[in-house]
């Protein structure tokens, strides 16, 4: 049987080769605008496979959005990866996101540091798409960190003092929550405009 050290070396070599191959695949992306299509679908080693988000981040929960935005603004690559990529068992569905396991999972993603620029560039493309879809939520001119620290407050505000509603909101698909929020903000803006014209 191979030694633990040998297995570790083999795993590291495979990860390195995978990273270099993925970077070559993604090189063309940097010549244009950030893509909304998610390019690096999965990351794997001999012992684990992690599935990434779908195109335009369509399968992320609202809780994943606020954590990914937080770590993106902090330039914390490993924790952001722990939010975006979830472990895929050999059989069955991939694991659901669990914020309590971010620190534990982040240690694994340190080996993929070579993919940092590609992942960030891809994520920026998805953020731009969200800004087009939900223009009242993502105001034009907002910087990288302008929204990141506010998502938890947004969730609390939408849920009020109801912990059951808050927990349900965290697990809801982020597109549904963003649509609800965008509609509410559009209505508020409309009322402000109407009141201003009547004053």
Protein backbone atom coordinates (compact mmCIF):
# COMPACT_ATOMS: atom_id res chain seq x y z
CA UNK A 1 0.00 0.00 0.00
CA UNK A 2 1.29 3.53 -0.75
CA UNK A 3 2.39 5.60 2.21
CA UNK A 4 0.33 8.52 3.47
CA UNK A 5 3.08 10.89 2.28
CA UNK A 6 3.04 9.35 -1.18
CA UNK A 7 -0.72 9.66 -1.42
CA UNK A 8 -0.48 13.29 -0.33
CA UNK A 9 2.14 14.00 -3.00
CA UNK A 10 0.09 12.28 -5.69
CA UNK A 11 -3.01 14.25 -4.66
CA UNK A 12 -1.11 17.53 -4.74
CA UNK A 13 0.30 16.71 -8.20
CA UNK A 14 -3.17 15.91 -9.51
CA UNK A 15 -4.60 19.12 -8.07
CA UNK A 16 -1.77 21.15 -9.61
CA UNK A 17 -2.24 19.57 -13.03
CA UNK A 18 -5.98 20.07 -12.84
CA UNK A 19 -5.50 23.70 -11.94
CA UNK A 20 -3.11 24.33 -14.83
CA UNK A 21 -5.46 22.63 -17.29
CA UNK A 22 -8.40 24.70 -16.08
CA UNK A 23 -6.41 27.91 -16.33
CA UNK A 24 -5.51 27.13 -19.95
CA UNK A 25 -9.19 26.50 -20.65
CA UNK A 26 -10.12 29.85 -19.10
CA UNK A 27 -7.33 31.96 -20.62
CA UNK A 28 -9.54 33.22 -23.43
CA UNK A 29 -12.01 34.63 -20.93
CA UNK A 30 -9.67 37.37 -19.76
CA UNK A 31 -9.63 38.91 -23.24
CA UNK A 32 -13.21 40.16 -22.87
CA UNK A 33 -15.96 40.84 -20.37
CA UNK A 34 -16.37 38.54 -17.34
CA UNK A 35 -18.63 35.60 -18.27
CA UNK A 36 -21.95 34.84 -16.59
CA UNK A 37 -21.57 31.18 -17.60
CA UNK A 38 -19.82 29.31 -14.76
CA UNK A 39 -16.71 27.76 -16.28
CA UNK A 40 -15.14 25.61 -13.53
CA UNK A 41 -17.94 23.17 -12.78
CA UNK A 42 -16.15 20.93 -10.32
CA UNK A 43 -12.92 20.55 -8.38
CA UNK A 44 -11.65 17.13 -7.43
CA UNK A 45 -8.85 15.16 -5.88
CA UNK A 46 -8.51 11.39 -5.30
CA UNK A 47 -10.53 11.75 -2.10
CA UNK A 48 -13.17 14.40 -2.77
CA UNK A 49 -15.24 16.05 -5.46
CA UNK A 50 -16.78 19.50 -5.05
CA UNK A 51 -19.52 20.80 -7.35
CA UNK A 52 -19.65 24.50 -8.17
CA UNK A 53 -22.63 26.73 -8.94
CA UNK A 54 -24.68 26.70 -12.12
CA UNK A 55 -24.48 29.42 -14.76
CA UNK A 56 -25.42 32.88 -13.43
CA UNK A 57 -25.34 31.36 -9.91
CA UNK A 58 -28.96 30.28 -10.42
CA UNK A 59 -28.84 27.51 -7.81
CA UNK A 60 -27.40 29.52 -4.89
CA UNK A 61 -29.44 30.17 -1.79
CA UNK A 62 -29.84 33.69 -0.41
CA UNK A 63 -27.54 32.73 2.46
CA UNK A 64 -24.84 31.66 0.01
CA UNK A 65 -25.17 35.00 -1.76
CA UNK A 66 -24.52 37.05 1.34
CA UNK A 67 -21.56 34.91 2.41
CA UNK A 68 -20.00 34.83 -1.07
CA UNK A 69 -20.38 38.61 -1.34
CA UNK A 70 -18.80 39.06 2.07
CA UNK A 71 -15.74 36.94 1.28
CA UNK A 72 -15.46 38.38 -2.23
CA UNK A 73 -15.27 41.89 -0.77
CA UNK A 74 -12.66 40.70 1.75
CA UNK A 75 -10.61 39.02 -1.00
CA UNK A 76 -10.87 35.78 1.01
CA UNK A 77 -10.60 33.22 -1.77
CA UNK A 78 -10.69 29.99 0.26
CA UNK A 79 -13.81 30.91 2.23
CA UNK A 80 -15.55 32.16 -0.89
CA UNK A 81 -14.81 28.81 -2.53
CA UNK A 82 -16.20 27.02 0.53
CA UNK A 83 -19.47 28.88 -0.07
CA UNK A 84 -19.66 28.32 -3.83
CA UNK A 85 -18.48 24.69 -3.98
CA UNK A 86 -20.20 21.89 -2.09
CA UNK A 87 -19.01 18.33 -1.62
CA UNK A 88 -20.50 15.77 -3.99
CA UNK A 89 -20.77 12.24 -2.52
CA UNK A 90 -20.12 9.29 -4.80
CA UNK A 91 -23.84 8.57 -4.76
CA UNK A 92 -26.74 10.98 -4.29
CA UNK A 93 -27.05 14.76 -4.33
CA UNK A 94 -24.31 17.17 -3.41
CA UNK A 95 -24.28 18.37 0.18
CA UNK A 96 -26.39 21.37 1.09
CA UNK A 97 -24.57 24.53 2.07
CA UNK A 98 -23.82 24.75 5.80
CA UNK A 99 -22.33 28.03 7.04
CA UNK A 100 -20.95 26.26 10.11
CA UNK A 101 -18.59 24.27 7.87
CA UNK A 102 -17.06 27.19 5.96
CA UNK A 103 -13.85 27.28 8.01
CA UNK A 104 -13.40 23.52 7.75
CA UNK A 105 -13.98 23.43 3.98
CA UNK A 106 -11.81 26.50 3.36
CA UNK A 107 -8.71 24.52 4.38
CA UNK A 108 -9.28 22.16 1.46
CA UNK A 109 -9.57 24.97 -1.10
CA UNK A 110 -6.21 26.49 -0.20
CA UNK A 111 -4.67 24.06 -2.71
CA UNK A 112 -6.59 25.74 -5.55
CA UNK A 113 -5.03 29.18 -5.05
CA UNK A 114 -3.84 29.11 -8.68
CA UNK A 115 -7.47 29.40 -9.80
CA UNK A 116 -8.16 32.54 -7.76
CA UNK A 117 -8.05 35.04 -10.65
CA UNK A 118 -10.23 32.87 -12.90
CA UNK A 119 -12.83 32.30 -10.17
CA UNK A 120 -12.98 35.98 -9.22
CA UNK A 121 -13.28 37.03 -12.87
CA UNK A 122 -16.09 34.53 -13.42
CA UNK A 123 -17.88 35.64 -10.26
CA UNK A 124 -17.66 39.26 -11.36
CA UNK A 125 -19.46 38.31 -14.57
CA UNK A 126 -22.29 36.76 -12.58
CA UNK A 127 -22.52 39.84 -10.35
CA UNK A 128 -22.85 42.04 -13.42
CA UNK A 129 -25.68 39.86 -14.68
CA UNK A 130 -27.45 40.18 -11.32
CA UNK A 131 -27.05 43.95 -11.47
CA UNK A 132 -28.83 44.00 -14.83
CA UNK A 133 -31.66 41.75 -13.61
CA UNK A 134 -32.20 43.53 -10.28
CA UNK A 135 -31.37 47.16 -10.90
CA UNK A 136 -33.04 48.48 -7.75
CA UNK A 137 -31.07 46.08 -5.56
CA UNK A 138 -27.71 46.64 -7.24
CA UNK A 139 -27.50 50.37 -7.77
CA UNK A 140 -25.20 51.51 -10.58
CA UNK A 141 -21.90 52.79 -9.29
CA UNK A 142 -21.77 50.53 -6.25
CA UNK A 143 -18.30 49.19 -5.60
CA UNK A 144 -17.12 45.71 -4.73
CA UNK A 145 -17.77 46.04 -1.01
CA UNK A 146 -20.73 48.40 -0.95
CA UNK A 147 -23.34 45.66 -0.67
CA UNK A 148 -21.40 42.89 1.02
CA UNK A 149 -21.89 43.94 4.61
CA UNK A 150 -25.60 44.70 4.21
CA UNK A 151 -27.09 41.38 3.12
CA UNK A 152 -27.61 40.06 6.64
CA UNK A 153 -29.39 43.29 7.55
CA UNK A 154 -31.52 42.94 4.43
CA UNK A 155 -32.53 39.41 5.44
CA UNK A 156 -33.37 40.52 8.98
CA UNK A 157 -35.41 43.42 7.62
CA UNK A 158 -37.38 41.16 5.28
CA UNK A 159 -38.05 38.59 8.00
CA UNK A 160 -38.86 41.07 10.75
CA UNK A 161 -38.69 39.50 14.18
CA UNK A 162 -39.79 36.08 12.93
CA UNK A 163 -36.93 33.54 13.28
CA UNK A 164 -38.86 30.92 11.31
CA UNK A 165 -39.29 33.28 8.39
CA UNK A 166 -35.62 34.30 8.64
CA UNK A 167 -34.43 30.67 8.47
CA UNK A 168 -36.72 29.99 5.52
CA UNK A 169 -35.41 33.09 3.74
CA UNK A 170 -31.81 31.93 4.14
CA UNK A 171 -32.55 28.66 2.35
CA UNK A 172 -34.63 30.22 -0.43
CA UNK A 173 -33.22 30.48 -3.94
CA UNK A 174 -31.46 33.83 -4.18
CA UNK A 175 -33.23 34.79 -7.43
CA UNK A 176 -36.61 34.56 -5.73
CA UNK A 177 -35.47 36.71 -2.81
CA UNK A 178 -33.78 39.25 -5.07
CA UNK A 179 -36.93 39.50 -7.20
CA UNK A 180 -39.05 40.13 -4.09
CA UNK A 181 -36.58 42.72 -2.84
CA UNK A 182 -36.27 44.42 -6.23
CA UNK A 183 -40.06 44.71 -6.55
CA UNK A 184 -40.30 46.22 -3.06
CA UNK A 185 -37.57 48.76 -3.75
CA UNK A 186 -39.13 49.66 -7.10
CA UNK A 187 -42.46 50.30 -5.38
CA UNK A 188 -40.81 52.48 -2.74
CA UNK A 189 -39.00 54.46 -5.41
CA UNK A 190 -42.25 54.89 -7.31
CA UNK A 191 -44.02 56.20 -4.21
CA UNK A 192 -41.17 58.62 -3.47
CA UNK A 193 -41.34 59.93 -7.03
CA UNK A 194 -45.12 60.36 -6.79
CA UNK A 195 -44.88 62.14 -3.44
CA UNK A 196 -42.16 64.40 -4.77
CA UNK A 197 -44.21 65.43 -7.76
CA UNK A 198 -47.21 66.18 -5.53
CA UNK A 199 -45.30 68.36 -3.06
